[in-house]
């Protein structure tokens, strides 16, 4: 295995790990949002921050993938 393919493999591994953490964070945020029936204001606030972050981050990733394809 040469250095370039090892570097590429490690980069892709790190990207998959980051995506896993993003997905788990999103699931956790959604779970808190759904279980927040009593509308705890602090949890609701952080859940809204998380939702906004995830939506914006997803759009940035999509745009980045589009730019990489062109």
N, C-alpha and C. Protein backbone atom coordinates (compact mmCIF):
# COMPACT_ATOMS: atom_id res chain seq x y z
N UNK A 1 0.85 -1.17 0.00
CA UNK A 1 0.00 0.00 0.00
C UNK A 1 0.90 1.24 0.00
N UNK A 2 0.67 2.13 -0.93
CA UNK A 2 1.51 3.34 -0.98
C UNK A 2 0.92 4.43 -0.09
N UNK A 3 1.70 5.47 0.14
CA UNK A 3 1.30 6.53 1.07
C UNK A 3 0.05 7.28 0.61
N UNK A 4 -0.07 7.47 -0.68
CA UNK A 4 -1.22 8.23 -1.18
C UNK A 4 -2.52 7.47 -0.91
N UNK A 5 -2.55 6.19 -1.16
CA UNK A 5 -3.79 5.46 -0.93
C UNK A 5 -4.07 5.34 0.57
N UNK A 6 -3.03 5.27 1.40
CA UNK A 6 -3.23 5.23 2.85
C UNK A 6 -3.82 6.57 3.31
N UNK A 7 -3.29 7.67 2.81
CA UNK A 7 -3.80 8.99 3.17
C UNK A 7 -5.26 9.14 2.72
N UNK A 8 -5.54 8.69 1.52
CA UNK A 8 -6.91 8.78 1.01
C UNK A 8 -7.85 7.93 1.85
N UNK A 9 -7.41 6.73 2.19
CA UNK A 9 -8.23 5.84 3.01
C UNK A 9 -8.49 6.44 4.39
N UNK A 10 -7.47 7.03 5.00
CA UNK A 10 -7.66 7.65 6.31
C UNK A 10 -8.59 8.86 6.22
N UNK A 11 -8.44 9.65 5.19
CA UNK A 11 -9.33 10.80 4.99
C UNK A 11 -10.78 10.37 4.85
N UNK A 12 -11.00 9.31 4.08
CA UNK A 12 -12.37 8.80 3.91
C UNK A 12 -12.91 8.22 5.21
N UNK A 13 -12.04 7.55 5.98
CA UNK A 13 -12.45 7.01 7.28
C UNK A 13 -12.89 8.14 8.20
N UNK A 14 -12.09 9.22 8.26
CA UNK A 14 -12.45 10.36 9.09
C UNK A 14 -13.77 11.00 8.64
N UNK A 15 -14.00 11.04 7.36
CA UNK A 15 -15.25 11.60 6.84
C UNK A 15 -16.44 10.74 7.27
N UNK A 16 -16.28 9.43 7.24
CA UNK A 16 -17.35 8.53 7.68
C UNK A 16 -17.61 8.67 9.17
N UNK A 17 -16.55 8.81 9.95
CA UNK A 17 -16.70 9.00 11.40
C UNK A 17 -17.44 10.30 11.68
N UNK A 18 -17.07 11.38 10.98
CA UNK A 18 -17.75 12.67 11.16
C UNK A 18 -19.22 12.55 10.79
N UNK A 19 -19.52 11.86 9.71
CA UNK A 19 -20.90 11.68 9.29
C UNK A 19 -21.68 10.88 10.33
N UNK A 20 -21.05 9.87 10.92
CA UNK A 20 -21.70 9.08 11.97
C UNK A 20 -22.05 9.97 13.16
N UNK A 21 -21.11 10.80 13.60
CA UNK A 21 -21.38 11.70 14.72
C UNK A 21 -22.48 12.70 14.37
N UNK A 22 -22.48 13.20 13.16
CA UNK A 22 -23.54 14.13 12.72
C UNK A 22 -24.90 13.46 12.78
N UNK A 23 -24.97 12.24 12.28
CA UNK A 23 -26.22 11.49 12.26
C UNK A 23 -26.71 11.20 13.68
N UNK A 24 -25.81 10.75 14.54
CA UNK A 24 -26.19 10.46 15.93
C UNK A 24 -26.65 11.73 16.65
N UNK A 25 -25.99 12.83 16.41
CA UNK A 25 -26.39 14.11 17.02
C UNK A 25 -27.79 14.50 16.56
N UNK A 26 -28.03 14.35 15.27
CA UNK A 26 -29.35 14.71 14.73
C UNK A 26 -30.44 13.83 15.35
N UNK A 27 -30.18 12.52 15.44
CA UNK A 27 -31.16 11.61 16.03
C UNK A 27 -31.43 11.98 17.48
N UNK A 28 -30.38 12.28 18.23
CA UNK A 28 -30.53 12.67 19.63
C UNK A 28 -31.35 13.96 19.76
N UNK A 29 -31.05 14.94 18.92
CA UNK A 29 -31.79 16.20 18.95
C UNK A 29 -33.26 15.97 18.65
N UNK A 30 -33.55 15.17 17.65
CA UNK A 30 -34.95 14.88 17.29
C UNK A 30 -35.66 14.14 18.42
N UNK A 31 -34.96 13.21 19.06
CA UNK A 31 -35.52 12.43 20.16
C UNK A 31 -35.88 13.35 21.32
N UNK A 32 -34.99 14.27 21.67
CA UNK A 32 -35.25 15.22 22.75
C UNK A 32 -36.44 16.09 22.38
N UNK A 33 -36.48 16.53 21.13
CA UNK A 33 -37.58 17.37 20.65
C UNK A 33 -38.92 16.64 20.76
N UNK A 34 -38.94 15.38 20.37
CA UNK A 34 -40.18 14.60 20.41
C UNK A 34 -40.62 14.29 21.83
N UNK A 35 -39.66 14.04 22.73
CA UNK A 35 -39.98 13.70 24.11
C UNK A 35 -40.24 14.93 24.97
N UNK A 36 -40.09 16.09 24.42
CA UNK A 36 -40.21 17.33 25.17
C UNK A 36 -41.67 17.81 25.16
N UNK A 37 -42.56 16.96 25.63
CA UNK A 37 -43.99 17.29 25.61
C UNK A 37 -44.32 18.44 26.57
N UNK A 38 -43.62 18.51 27.70
CA UNK A 38 -43.89 19.55 28.68
C UNK A 38 -43.30 20.89 28.28
N UNK A 39 -42.54 20.92 27.22
CA UNK A 39 -41.96 22.14 26.66
C UNK A 39 -41.04 22.86 27.66
N UNK A 40 -40.07 22.13 28.14
CA UNK A 40 -39.02 22.73 28.95
C UNK A 40 -38.32 23.75 28.06
N UNK A 41 -38.33 25.00 28.46
CA UNK A 41 -37.83 26.07 27.60
C UNK A 41 -36.35 25.92 27.27
N UNK A 42 -35.54 25.49 28.22
CA UNK A 42 -34.11 25.34 27.98
C UNK A 42 -33.84 24.21 26.98
N UNK A 43 -34.47 23.06 27.18
CA UNK A 43 -34.30 21.95 26.23
C UNK A 43 -34.83 22.32 24.86
N UNK A 44 -35.95 23.01 24.83
CA UNK A 44 -36.53 23.43 23.56
C UNK A 44 -35.59 24.39 22.83
N UNK A 45 -34.97 25.29 23.57
CA UNK A 45 -34.03 26.25 22.99
C UNK A 45 -32.85 25.53 22.34
N UNK A 46 -32.23 24.60 23.09
CA UNK A 46 -31.08 23.88 22.55
C UNK A 46 -31.47 22.94 21.42
N UNK A 47 -32.66 22.39 21.49
CA UNK A 47 -33.15 21.55 20.41
C UNK A 47 -33.32 22.38 19.13
N UNK A 48 -33.82 23.60 19.27
CA UNK A 48 -33.97 24.48 18.11
C UNK A 48 -32.61 24.86 17.52
N UNK A 49 -31.65 25.11 18.39
CA UNK A 49 -30.29 25.40 17.92
C UNK A 49 -29.76 24.20 17.13
N UNK A 50 -29.93 23.01 17.70
CA UNK A 50 -29.45 21.79 17.03
C UNK A 50 -30.11 21.57 15.69
N UNK A 51 -31.42 21.79 15.62
CA UNK A 51 -32.13 21.62 14.36
C UNK A 51 -31.64 22.61 13.31
N UNK A 52 -31.46 23.85 13.72
CA UNK A 52 -30.98 24.87 12.78
C UNK A 52 -29.57 24.54 12.30
N UNK A 53 -28.72 24.12 13.22
CA UNK A 53 -27.34 23.74 12.86
C UNK A 53 -27.35 22.60 11.86
N UNK A 54 -28.12 21.56 12.16
CA UNK A 54 -28.11 20.38 11.29
C UNK A 54 -28.63 20.71 9.90
N UNK A 55 -29.69 21.50 9.82
CA UNK A 55 -30.23 21.87 8.50
C UNK A 55 -29.21 22.67 7.70
N UNK A 56 -28.59 23.66 8.33
CA UNK A 56 -27.60 24.49 7.63
C UNK A 56 -26.40 23.66 7.22
N UNK A 57 -25.91 22.81 8.12
CA UNK A 57 -24.76 21.95 7.84
C UNK A 57 -25.06 21.00 6.68
N UNK A 58 -26.28 20.45 6.67
CA UNK A 58 -26.67 19.56 5.56
C UNK A 58 -26.66 20.30 4.24
N UNK A 59 -27.16 21.54 4.23
CA UNK A 59 -27.16 22.34 3.00
C UNK A 59 -25.74 22.64 2.54
N UNK A 60 -24.87 22.95 3.49
CA UNK A 60 -23.47 23.23 3.15
C UNK A 60 -22.81 21.98 2.55
N UNK A 61 -23.07 20.82 3.15
CA UNK A 61 -22.50 19.58 2.63
C UNK A 61 -23.01 19.28 1.23
N UNK A 62 -24.31 19.49 1.01
CA UNK A 62 -24.87 19.25 -0.33
C UNK A 62 -24.24 20.17 -1.36
N UNK A 63 -24.10 21.45 -1.00
CA UNK A 63 -23.50 22.43 -1.92
C UNK A 63 -22.05 22.05 -2.21
N UNK A 64 -21.34 21.63 -1.18
CA UNK A 64 -19.94 21.23 -1.34
C UNK A 64 -19.82 20.03 -2.27
N UNK A 65 -20.71 19.06 -2.12
CA UNK A 65 -20.70 17.88 -2.98
C UNK A 65 -21.01 18.27 -4.43
N UNK A 66 -21.95 19.22 -4.61
CA UNK A 66 -22.29 19.69 -5.93
C UNK A 66 -21.09 20.39 -6.58
N UNK A 67 -20.41 21.24 -5.79
CA UNK A 67 -19.24 21.96 -6.30
C UNK A 67 -18.12 21.00 -6.64
N UNK A 68 -17.95 19.94 -5.87
CA UNK A 68 -16.89 18.95 -6.14
C UNK A 68 -17.18 18.19 -7.42
N UNK A 69 -18.45 17.99 -7.74
CA UNK A 69 -18.83 17.25 -8.96
C UNK A 69 -18.61 18.08 -10.21
N UNK A 70 -18.66 19.40 -10.08
CA UNK A 70 -18.52 20.29 -11.25
C UNK A 70 -17.11 20.76 -11.43
